[in-house]
C-alpha atoms as a PDB file:
ATOM      1  CA  UNK A   1     109.705  91.536 106.899  1.00  0.00           C
ATOM      2  CA  UNK A   2     112.735  91.745 105.700  1.00  0.00           C
ATOM      3  CA  UNK A   3     112.215  89.388 102.509  1.00  0.00           C
ATOM      4  CA  UNK A   4     108.962  91.889 102.028  1.00  0.00           C
ATOM      5  CA  UNK A   5     111.063  94.742 101.895  1.00  0.00           C
ATOM      6  CA  UNK A   6     113.200  93.767  99.017  1.00  0.00           C
ATOM      7  CA  UNK A   7     110.375  92.345  97.110  1.00  0.00           C
ATOM      8  CA  UNK A   8     109.008  95.520  97.117  1.00  0.00           C
ATOM      9  CA  UNK A   9     112.192  97.245  96.461  1.00  0.00           C
ATOM     10  CA  UNK A  10     112.794  95.219  93.278  1.00  0.00           C
ATOM     11  CA  UNK A  11     109.038  95.875  92.194  1.00  0.00           C
ATOM     12  CA  UNK A  12     110.045  99.539  92.175  1.00  0.00           C
ATOM     13  CA  UNK A  13     113.196  98.986  90.129  1.00  0.00           C
ATOM     14  CA  UNK A  14     110.640  96.962  87.718  1.00  0.00           C
ATOM     15  CA  UNK A  15     108.235  99.745  87.710  1.00  0.00           C
ATOM     16  CA  UNK A  16     110.906 102.313  87.063  1.00  0.00           C
ATOM     17  CA  UNK A  17     113.783 100.951  85.280  1.00  0.00           C
ATOM     18  CA  UNK A  18     116.119 103.071  87.228  1.00  0.00           C
ATOM     19  CA  UNK A  19     117.802 102.165  90.559  1.00  0.00           C
ATOM     20  CA  UNK A  20     118.016 105.964  90.876  1.00  0.00           C
ATOM     21  CA  UNK A  21     114.714 106.643  90.639  1.00  0.00           C
ATOM     22  CA  UNK A  22     113.868 103.303  93.164  1.00  0.00           C
ATOM     23  CA  UNK A  23     116.347 104.584  95.510  1.00  0.00           C
ATOM     24  CA  UNK A  24     114.987 108.080  95.477  1.00  0.00           C
ATOM     25  CA  UNK A  25     111.444 106.779  96.214  1.00  0.00           C
ATOM     26  CA  UNK A  26     112.835 104.903  98.976  1.00  0.00           C
ATOM     27  CA  UNK A  27     115.220 107.304 100.533  1.00  0.00           C
ATOM     28  CA  UNK A  28     118.184 104.965 100.108  1.00  0.00           C
ATOM     29  CA  UNK A  29     121.222 105.435  97.601  1.00  0.00           C
ATOM     30  CA  UNK A  30     121.074 103.741  93.791  1.00  0.00           C
ATOM     31  CA  UNK A  31     124.401 101.774  95.024  1.00  0.00           C
ATOM     32  CA  UNK A  32     122.304 100.402  97.825  1.00  0.00           C
ATOM     33  CA  UNK A  33     119.460  99.450  95.727  1.00  0.00           C
ATOM     34  CA  UNK A  34     121.703  98.074  92.735  1.00  0.00           C
ATOM     35  CA  UNK A  35     123.758  95.648  95.988  1.00  0.00           C
ATOM     36  CA  UNK A  36     120.057  94.511  97.116  1.00  0.00           C
ATOM     37  CA  UNK A  37     118.926  93.467  93.856  1.00  0.00           C
ATOM     38  CA  UNK A  38     122.201  91.601  93.406  1.00  0.00           C
ATOM     39  CA  UNK A  39     122.010  89.695  96.861  1.00  0.00           C
ATOM     40  CA  UNK A  40     118.366  88.841  95.794  1.00  0.00           C
ATOM     41  CA  UNK A  41     119.502  87.399  92.327  1.00  0.00           C
ATOM     42  CA  UNK A  42     122.249  85.467  94.175  1.00  0.00           C
ATOM     43  CA  UNK A  43     119.745  83.635  96.252  1.00  0.00           C
ATOM     44  CA  UNK A  44     117.279  83.447  93.673  1.00  0.00           C
ATOM     45  CA  UNK A  45     120.298  82.269  91.221  1.00  0.00           C
ATOM     46  CA  UNK A  46     118.866  83.741  88.389  1.00  0.00           C
ATOM     47  CA  UNK A  47     119.329  86.812  86.648  1.00  0.00           C
ATOM     48  CA  UNK A  48     116.348  89.598  87.204  1.00  0.00           C
ATOM     49  CA  UNK A  49     117.726  92.516  85.672  1.00  0.00           C
ATOM     50  CA  UNK A  50     119.718  93.265  82.010  1.00  0.00           C
ATOM     51  CA  UNK A  51     121.732  96.128  83.463  1.00  0.00           C
ATOM     52  CA  UNK A  52     124.019  98.699  81.025  1.00  0.00           C
ATOM     53  CA  UNK A  53     125.523 102.254  81.480  1.00  0.00           C
ATOM     54  CA  UNK A  54     122.466 103.757  80.822  1.00  0.00           C
ATOM     55  CA  UNK A  55     119.368 101.721  81.194  1.00  0.00           C
ATOM     56  CA  UNK A  56     117.946  98.813  83.562  1.00  0.00           C
ATOM     57  CA  UNK A  57     115.389  96.285  82.156  1.00  0.00           C
ATOM     58  CA  UNK A  58     113.721  92.887  82.964  1.00  0.00           C
ATOM     59  CA  UNK A  59     114.600  89.562  81.880  1.00  0.00           C
ATOM     60  CA  UNK A  60     111.942  87.182  81.002  1.00  0.00           C
ATOM     61  CA  UNK A  61     112.633  85.920  84.124  1.00  0.00           C
ATOM     62  CA  UNK A  62     112.278  89.431  85.818  1.00  0.00           C
ATOM     63  CA  UNK A  63     109.187  89.745  84.353  1.00  0.00           C
ATOM     64  CA  UNK A  64     107.179  86.847  85.800  1.00  0.00           C
ATOM     65  CA  UNK A  65     109.037  87.721  89.333  1.00  0.00           C
ATOM     66  CA  UNK A  66     107.611  91.275  88.953  1.00  0.00           C
ATOM     67  CA  UNK A  67     104.301  89.983  88.181  1.00  0.00           C
ATOM     68  CA  UNK A  68     104.456  87.714  91.249  1.00  0.00           C
ATOM     69  CA  UNK A  69     105.763  90.261  93.552  1.00  0.00           C
ATOM     70  CA  UNK A  70     103.336  92.648  92.685  1.00  0.00           C
ATOM     71  CA  UNK A  71     100.694  90.445  94.029  1.00  0.00           C
ATOM     72  CA  UNK A  72     102.385  89.358  96.900  1.00  0.00           C
ATOM     73  CA  UNK A  73     102.788  93.219  97.960  1.00  0.00           C
ATOM     74  CA  UNK A  74      98.768  93.743  97.025  1.00  0.00           C
ATOM     75  CA  UNK A  75      97.722  91.225  99.472  1.00  0.00           C
ATOM     76  CA  UNK A  76      99.910  91.940 101.981  1.00  0.00           C
ATOM     77  CA  UNK A  77      98.650  95.417 101.712  1.00  0.00           C
ATOM     78  CA  UNK A  78      95.340  94.207 101.827  1.00  0.00           C
ATOM     79  CA  UNK A  79      95.594  91.922 104.675  1.00  0.00           C
ATOM     80  CA  UNK A  80      96.952  95.073 106.400  1.00  0.00           C
ATOM     81  CA  UNK A  81      94.269  97.593 105.158  1.00  0.00           C
ATOM     82  CA  UNK A  82      91.404  94.972 106.473  1.00  0.00           C
ATOM     83  CA  UNK A  83      92.769  95.100 109.815  1.00  0.00           C
ATOM     84  CA  UNK A  84      93.355  98.533 110.545  1.00  0.00           C
ATOM     85  CA  UNK A  85      90.815 100.429 107.907  1.00  0.00           C
ATOM     86  CA  UNK A  86      87.664 100.054 110.166  1.00  0.00           C
ATOM     87  CA  UNK A  87      89.616 101.986 112.782  1.00  0.00           C
ATOM     88  CA  UNK A  88      91.556 104.802 110.295  1.00  0.00           C
ATOM     89  CA  UNK A  89      90.759 108.040 109.011  1.00  0.00           C
ATOM     90  CA  UNK A  90      91.795 108.660 105.252  1.00  0.00           C
ATOM     91  CA  UNK A  91      94.758 111.215 106.018  1.00  0.00           C
ATOM     92  CA  UNK A  92      97.993 112.081 104.825  1.00  0.00           C
ATOM     93  CA  UNK A  93      99.753 113.998 102.061  1.00  0.00           C
ATOM     94  CA  UNK A  94      98.139 113.058  98.471  1.00  0.00           C
ATOM     95  CA  UNK A  95     100.150 114.252  95.156  1.00  0.00           C
ATOM     96  CA  UNK A  96      97.904 114.784  92.187  1.00  0.00           C
ATOM     97  CA  UNK A  97      98.803 116.129  88.721  1.00  0.00           C
ATOM     98  CA  UNK A  98      96.235 117.772  86.629  1.00  0.00           C
ATOM     99  CA  UNK A  99      95.960 119.377  82.970  1.00  0.00           C
ATOM    100  CA  UNK A 100      95.425 122.476  82.704  1.00  0.00           C
ATOM    101  CA  UNK A 101      91.760 122.038  82.181  1.00  0.00           C
ATOM    102  CA  UNK A 102      91.801 120.487  85.851  1.00  0.00           C
ATOM    103  CA  UNK A 103      91.557 124.174  86.979  1.00  0.00           C
ATOM    104  CA  UNK A 104      88.136 124.001  86.386  1.00  0.00           C
ATOM    105  CA  UNK A 105      87.314 121.577  88.840  1.00  0.00           C
ATOM    106  CA  UNK A 106      89.026 123.305  91.843  1.00  0.00           C
ATOM    107  CA  UNK A 107      85.729 123.701  93.590  1.00  0.00           C
ATOM    108  CA  UNK A 108      85.299 120.270  93.635  1.00  0.00           C
ATOM    109  CA  UNK A 109      88.723 119.745  95.058  1.00  0.00           C
ATOM    110  CA  UNK A 110      87.634 122.187  97.937  1.00  0.00           C
ATOM    111  CA  UNK A 111      84.572 120.260  98.341  1.00  0.00           C
ATOM    112  CA  UNK A 112      86.680 117.147  98.658  1.00  0.00           C
ATOM    113  CA  UNK A 113      88.985 118.870 101.170  1.00  0.00           C
ATOM    114  CA  UNK A 114      86.095 119.943 103.671  1.00  0.00           C
ATOM    115  CA  UNK A 115      84.767 116.345 103.518  1.00  0.00           C
ATOM    116  CA  UNK A 116      88.218 115.236 104.027  1.00  0.00           C
ATOM    117  CA  UNK A 117      90.183 117.579 106.353  1.00  0.00           C
ATOM    118  CA  UNK A 118      92.859 115.340 106.979  1.00  0.00           C
ATOM    119  CA  UNK A 119      93.964 114.754 104.026  1.00  0.00           C
ATOM    120  CA  UNK A 120      96.637 117.201 102.261  1.00  0.00           C
ATOM    121  CA  UNK A 121      96.254 117.691  98.681  1.00  0.00           C
ATOM    122  CA  UNK A 122      99.429 118.690  97.186  1.00  0.00           C
ATOM    123  CA  UNK A 123      98.386 119.770  93.332  1.00  0.00           C
ATOM    124  CA  UNK A 124     100.603 120.165  90.073  1.00  0.00           C
ATOM    125  CA  UNK A 125      99.094 121.424  86.800  1.00  0.00           C
ATOM    126  CA  UNK A 126     100.592 120.966  83.784  1.00  0.00           C
ATOM    127  CA  UNK A 127      99.995 119.686  80.087  1.00  0.00           C
ATOM    128  CA  UNK A 128     103.290 117.780  80.490  1.00  0.00           C
ATOM    129  CA  UNK A 129     102.466 113.879  80.506  1.00  0.00           C
ATOM    130  CA  UNK A 130     103.932 113.355  83.415  1.00  0.00           C
ATOM    131  CA  UNK A 131     105.733 109.971  84.710  1.00  0.00           C
ATOM    132  CA  UNK A 132     103.241 108.867  87.548  1.00  0.00           C
ATOM    133  CA  UNK A 133     105.701 106.204  88.832  1.00  0.00           C
ATOM    134  CA  UNK A 134     108.936 107.816  88.343  1.00  0.00           C
ATOM    135  CA  UNK A 135     107.666 111.499  89.488  1.00  0.00           C
ATOM    136  CA  UNK A 136     106.247 110.239  92.876  1.00  0.00           C
ATOM    137  CA  UNK A 137     102.255 110.951  92.220  1.00  0.00           C
ATOM    138  CA  UNK A 138      99.753 109.129  93.974  1.00  0.00           C
ATOM    139  CA  UNK A 139      97.217 110.084  91.843  1.00  0.00           C
ATOM    140  CA  UNK A 140      96.945 111.553  88.147  1.00  0.00           C
ATOM    141  CA  UNK A 141      93.809 113.164  86.253  1.00  0.00           C
ATOM    142  CA  UNK A 142      94.360 112.857  82.312  1.00  0.00           C
ATOM    143  CA  UNK A 143      92.677 112.856  79.093  1.00  0.00           C
ATOM    144  CA  UNK A 144      93.227 110.311  76.760  1.00  0.00           C
ATOM    145  CA  UNK A 145      93.142 106.381  76.511  1.00  0.00           C
ATOM    146  CA  UNK A 146      95.616 104.639  79.135  1.00  0.00           C
ATOM    147  CA  UNK A 147      98.585 102.324  77.699  1.00  0.00           C
ATOM    148  CA  UNK A 148     100.743 101.879  80.129  1.00  0.00           C
ATOM    149  CA  UNK A 149     100.427  98.600  81.826  1.00  0.00           C
ATOM    150  CA  UNK A 150     101.957  99.584  85.302  1.00  0.00           C
ATOM    151  CA  UNK A 151      98.913 101.839  85.708  1.00  0.00           C
ATOM    152  CA  UNK A 152      95.039 101.679  86.451  1.00  0.00           C
ATOM    153  CA  UNK A 153      92.166 103.735  86.005  1.00  0.00           C
ATOM    154  CA  UNK A 154      88.844 104.580  86.264  1.00  0.00           C
ATOM    155  CA  UNK A 155      87.000 106.525  83.674  1.00  0.00           C
ATOM    156  CA  UNK A 156      85.534 110.072  85.405  1.00  0.00           C
ATOM    157  CA  UNK A 157      83.527 111.027  82.226  1.00  0.00           C
ATOM    158  CA  UNK A 158      83.661 112.678  78.894  1.00  0.00           C
ATOM    159  CA  UNK A 159      83.671 116.286  77.500  1.00  0.00           C
ATOM    160  CA  UNK A 160      84.366 118.178  73.901  1.00  0.00           C
ATOM    161  CA  UNK A 161      85.695 121.120  73.094  1.00  0.00           C
ATOM    162  CA  UNK A 162      83.809 123.156  71.091  1.00  0.00           C
ATOM    163  CA  UNK A 163      84.338 126.677  68.448  1.00  0.00           C
ATOM    164  CA  UNK A 164      81.963 129.477  69.842  1.00  0.00           C
ATOM    165  CA  UNK A 165      81.914 133.096  69.139  1.00  0.00           C
ATOM    166  CA  UNK A 166      79.516 135.866  70.659  1.00  0.00           C
ATOM    167  CA  UNK A 167      76.518 137.177  68.926  1.00  0.00           C
ATOM    168  CA  UNK A 168      78.428 140.454  68.760  1.00  0.00           C
ATOM    169  CA  UNK A 169      81.283 139.013  67.095  1.00  0.00           C
ATOM    170  CA  UNK A 170      79.101 137.125  64.205  1.00  0.00           C
ATOM    171  CA  UNK A 171      76.788 139.981  63.679  1.00  0.00           C
ATOM    172  CA  UNK A 172      80.503 141.512  62.306  1.00  0.00           C
ATOM    173  CA  UNK A 173      82.124 139.333  60.847  1.00  0.00           C
ATOM    174  CA  UNK A 174      79.550 136.519  59.593  1.00  0.00           C
ATOM    175  CA  UNK A 175      79.539 132.631  60.020  1.00  0.00           C
ATOM    176  CA  UNK A 176      82.042 130.424  59.228  1.00  0.00           C
ATOM    177  CA  UNK A 177      80.283 127.807  57.351  1.00  0.00           C
ATOM    178  CA  UNK A 178      83.247 125.471  56.964  1.00  0.00           C
ATOM    179  CA  UNK A 179      86.984 125.032  58.755  1.00  0.00           C
ATOM    180  CA  UNK A 180      88.478 126.913  55.579  1.00  0.00           C
ATOM    181  CA  UNK A 181      86.284 129.936  56.404  1.00  0.00           C
ATOM    182  CA  UNK A 182      88.410 130.427  59.685  1.00  0.00           C
ATOM    183  CA  UNK A 183      91.049 131.745  57.517  1.00  0.00           C
ATOM    184  CA  UNK A 184      88.872 135.236  57.208  1.00  0.00           C
ATOM    185  CA  UNK A 185      88.057 135.366  60.921  1.00  0.00           C
ATOM    186  CA  UNK A 186      89.960 136.203  63.910  1.00  0.00           C
ATOM    187  CA  UNK A 187      91.108 133.139  66.553  1.00  0.00           C
ATOM    188  CA  UNK A 188      91.767 133.210  70.098  1.00  0.00           C
ATOM    189  CA  UNK A 189      94.225 130.716  70.404  1.00  0.00           C
ATOM    190  CA  UNK A 190      95.958 128.159  73.192  1.00  0.00           C
ATOM    191  CA  UNK A 191      99.174 127.775  73.655  1.00  0.00           C
ATOM    192  CA  UNK A 192     100.594 124.698  75.834  1.00  0.00           C
ATOM    193  CA  UNK A 193     102.732 126.014  78.779  1.00  0.00           C
ATOM    194  CA  UNK A 194     105.268 122.847  78.358  1.00  0.00           C
ATOM    195  CA  UNK A 195     105.716 123.303  75.155  1.00  0.00           C
ATOM    196  CA  UNK A 196     104.884 126.377  73.677  1.00  0.00           C
ATOM    197  CA  UNK A 197     102.957 124.781  70.898  1.00  0.00           C
ATOM    198  CA  UNK A 198      99.782 126.362  69.708  1.00  0.00           C
ATOM    199  CA  UNK A 199      96.714 123.998  70.387  1.00  0.00           C
ATOM    200  CA  UNK A 200      95.485 122.670  67.201  1.00  0.00           C
ATOM    201  CA  UNK A 201      91.327 122.894  66.996  1.00  0.00           C
ATOM    202  CA  UNK A 202      89.405 119.509  66.394  1.00  0.00           C
ATOM    203  CA  UNK A 203      88.656 119.223  63.084  1.00  0.00           C
ATOM    204  CA  UNK A 204      90.324 115.601  62.531  1.00  0.00           C
ATOM    205  CA  UNK A 205      92.020 113.886  59.616  1.00  0.00           C
ATOM    206  CA  UNK A 206      89.868 115.872  57.272  1.00  0.00           C
ATOM    207  CA  UNK A 207      91.568 119.274  58.141  1.00  0.00           C
ATOM    208  CA  UNK A 208      92.650 120.692  54.530  1.00  0.00           C
ATOM    209  CA  UNK A 209      96.284 121.300  54.332  1.00  0.00           C
ATOM    210  CA  UNK A 210      95.640 124.811  53.395  1.00  0.00           C
ATOM    211  CA  UNK A 211      93.987 125.545  56.496  1.00  0.00           C
ATOM    212  CA  UNK A 212      95.839 128.278  59.179  1.00  0.00           C
ATOM    213  CA  UNK A 213      94.218 129.189  62.333  1.00  0.00           C
ATOM    214  CA  UNK A 214      95.118 133.359  62.206  1.00  0.00           C
ATOM    215  CA  UNK A 215      95.547 134.369  65.621  1.00  0.00           C
ATOM    216  CA  UNK A 216      94.566 137.696  67.142  1.00  0.00           C
ATOM    217  CA  UNK A 217      95.307 136.586  70.723  1.00  0.00           C
ATOM    218  CA  UNK A 218      97.388 133.780  72.448  1.00  0.00           C
ATOM    219  CA  UNK A 219      97.638 132.917  75.785  1.00  0.00           C
ATOM    220  CA  UNK A 220      98.064 129.713  77.981  1.00  0.00           C
ATOM    221  CA  UNK A 221      95.503 129.863  80.230  1.00  0.00           C
ATOM    222  CA  UNK A 222      91.360 129.547  79.439  1.00  0.00           C
ATOM    223  CA  UNK A 223      89.934 132.529  81.449  1.00  0.00           C
ATOM    224  CA  UNK A 224      91.137 134.861  78.847  1.00  0.00           C
ATOM    225  CA  UNK A 225      89.971 133.042  75.864  1.00  0.00           C
ATOM    226  CA  UNK A 226      86.460 133.025  77.531  1.00  0.00           C
ATOM    227  CA  UNK A 227      86.401 136.711  78.235  1.00  0.00           C
ATOM    228  CA  UNK A 228      88.157 137.679  75.237  1.00  0.00           C
ATOM    229  CA  UNK A 229      85.190 135.653  73.304  1.00  0.00           C
ATOM    230  CA  UNK A 230      82.315 136.838  75.265  1.00  0.00           C
ATOM    231  CA  UNK A 231      83.325 140.146  74.299  1.00  0.00           C
ATOM    232  CA  UNK A 232      83.364 139.562  70.629  1.00  0.00           C
ATOM    233  CA  UNK A 233      87.171 139.497  70.201  1.00  0.00           C
ATOM    234  CA  UNK A 234      87.108 136.740  67.962  1.00  0.00           C
ATOM    235  CA  UNK A 235      86.223 132.979  67.994  1.00  0.00           C
ATOM    236  CA  UNK A 236      88.018 130.718  70.325  1.00  0.00           C
ATOM    237  CA  UNK A 237      87.967 126.487  70.946  1.00  0.00           C
ATOM    238  CA  UNK A 238      87.030 126.105  74.802  1.00  0.00           C
ATOM    239  CA  UNK A 239      86.342 122.922  76.216  1.00  0.00           C
ATOM    240  CA  UNK A 240      82.369 122.851  76.689  1.00  0.00           C
ATOM    241  CA  UNK A 241      82.910 121.698  80.537  1.00  0.00           C
ATOM    242  CA  UNK A 242      84.322 125.632  80.876  1.00  0.00           C
ATOM    243  CA  UNK A 243      81.464 127.650  79.373  1.00  0.00           C
ATOM    244  CA  UNK A 244      78.560 125.861  80.598  1.00  0.00           C
ATOM    245  CA  UNK A 245      76.739 128.948  81.842  1.00  0.00           C
ATOM    246  CA  UNK A 246      77.858 130.592  78.448  1.00  0.00           C
ATOM    247  CA  UNK A 247      76.217 128.448  75.774  1.00  0.00           C
ATOM    248  CA  UNK A 248      72.651 127.969  77.866  1.00  0.00           C
ATOM    249  CA  UNK A 249      72.658 131.944  77.977  1.00  0.00           C
ATOM    250  CA  UNK A 250      73.436 132.051  74.525  1.00  0.00           C
ATOM    251  CA  UNK A 251      76.478 134.996  75.305  1.00  0.00           C
ATOM    252  CA  UNK A 252      79.096 132.429  73.274  1.00  0.00           C
ATOM    253  CA  UNK A 253      77.199 130.578  70.107  1.00  0.00           C
ATOM    254  CA  UNK A 254      78.967 127.202  68.936  1.00  0.00           C
ATOM    255  CA  UNK A 255      79.549 127.024  65.275  1.00  0.00           C
ATOM    256  CA  UNK A 256      81.351 124.115  62.920  1.00  0.00           C
ATOM    257  CA  UNK A 257      79.667 121.233  65.333  1.00  0.00           C
ATOM    258  CA  UNK A 258      79.029 118.960  61.846  1.00  0.00           C
ATOM    259  CA  UNK A 259      82.801 119.218  61.409  1.00  0.00           C
ATOM    260  CA  UNK A 260      83.721 118.513  65.064  1.00  0.00           C
ATOM    261  CA  UNK A 261      83.449 114.827  66.181  1.00  0.00           C
ATOM    262  CA  UNK A 262      86.328 115.058  69.297  1.00  0.00           C
ATOM    263  CA  UNK A 263      85.420 113.572  72.385  1.00  0.00           C
ATOM    264  CA  UNK A 264      87.779 113.723  75.383  1.00  0.00           C
ATOM    265  CA  UNK A 265      87.576 111.051  78.023  1.00  0.00           C
ATOM    266  CA  UNK A 266      88.706 112.182  81.451  1.00  0.00           C
ATOM    267  CA  UNK A 267      90.378 109.201  83.375  1.00  0.00           C
ATOM    268  CA  UNK A 268      91.619 108.922  86.902  1.00  0.00           C
ATOM    269  CA  UNK A 269      94.855 107.244  87.020  1.00  0.00           C
ATOM    270  CA  UNK A 270      97.402 105.726  89.868  1.00  0.00           C
ATOM    271  CA  UNK A 271     100.327 103.057  90.114  1.00  0.00           C
ATOM    272  CA  UNK A 272      98.671  99.341  89.449  1.00  0.00           C
ATOM    273  CA  UNK A 273      99.701  96.184  91.684  1.00  0.00           C
ATOM    274  CA  UNK A 274      99.469  98.489  94.752  1.00  0.00           C
ATOM    275  CA  UNK A 275      96.173  98.095  97.283  1.00  0.00           C
ATOM    276  CA  UNK A 276      94.780 101.617  97.346  1.00  0.00           C
ATOM    277  CA  UNK A 277      95.245 103.518 100.584  1.00  0.00           C
ATOM    278  CA  UNK A 278      92.295 104.748 102.293  1.00  0.00           C
ATOM    279  CA  UNK A 279      93.006 108.152 101.187  1.00  0.00           C
ATOM    280  CA  UNK A 280      93.599 107.518  97.716  1.00  0.00           C
ATOM    281  CA  UNK A 281      90.516 105.142  97.673  1.00  0.00           C
ATOM    282  CA  UNK A 282      88.145 108.368  98.838  1.00  0.00           C
ATOM    283  CA  UNK A 283      89.458 110.704  96.332  1.00  0.00           C
ATOM    284  CA  UNK A 284      89.104 108.099  93.306  1.00  0.00           C
ATOM    285  CA  UNK A 285      85.145 107.433  94.280  1.00  0.00           C
ATOM    286  CA  UNK A 286      84.472 111.399  95.431  1.00  0.00           C
ATOM    287  CA  UNK A 287      86.155 112.360  91.864  1.00  0.00           C
ATOM    288  CA  UNK A 288      84.140 109.946  89.625  1.00  0.00           C
ATOM    289  CA  UNK A 289      81.139 110.532  90.960  1.00  0.00           C
ATOM    290  CA  UNK A 290      81.428 114.373  91.540  1.00  0.00           C
ATOM    291  CA  UNK A 291      83.917 115.761  88.558  1.00  0.00           C
ATOM    292  CA  UNK A 292      81.625 115.639  85.670  1.00  0.00           C
ATOM    293  CA  UNK A 293      78.057 114.357  87.146  1.00  0.00           C
ATOM    294  CA  UNK A 294      76.789 115.158  83.923  1.00  0.00           C
END
């Protein structure tokens, strides 16, 4: 068991590329982590890490050893879970990171909480791209493609952002026929909380250089965009999953669809190489089935 503990410690260092971060996750000092890895290297008679004053990286031998250690720890965890799972109820804290669009899914999270009262949800909503491993999240819901080999994921579904306005607004201001026409319209804009930047609208590389959104209102949450658009104060770009009822009833009308080809993929992401705990497994299964059922 002592050897397994050292292997787990090495995996944390290999994944985070940091003695400090690995120690923080395991509740020990960076110095203790460094010394333990040093003893492991002495025993193996090989260097597993390149060290500098600022960074830690894996040697080629360290890369190979990391993959083998992951498989070993995964098998041990699988064996333990196989024995205990039939008697265990999913429980404990589950740290989750969501993008701002995740606020639309709170009813789904509430349903999950009712089904699994033993699981404590610790939810962080941010547009910032979090480091799942470094920041100690159990699971993250994020948009886009997965590029980090330290992570694994399951696709939840897709949605798109649509350009919409109310019948009252279009009666007064007319319909835009091209993105350039938006220069003559009031636009309701979204600002990312993490960076303060204004979110672009999904017209891709065809967007003319002269195209500029003229904002009549800026907000960092979706609800004001929907409300202002419904009241005829301008045109907004809003995820279609946030305005299903308005689109169905006609209180908001989509425009410029032929210029808008963006499809956004939503994924559930968690650290790779670890056997999913019961709480993580039931959360992933529930969200894949219920988050975007359409």
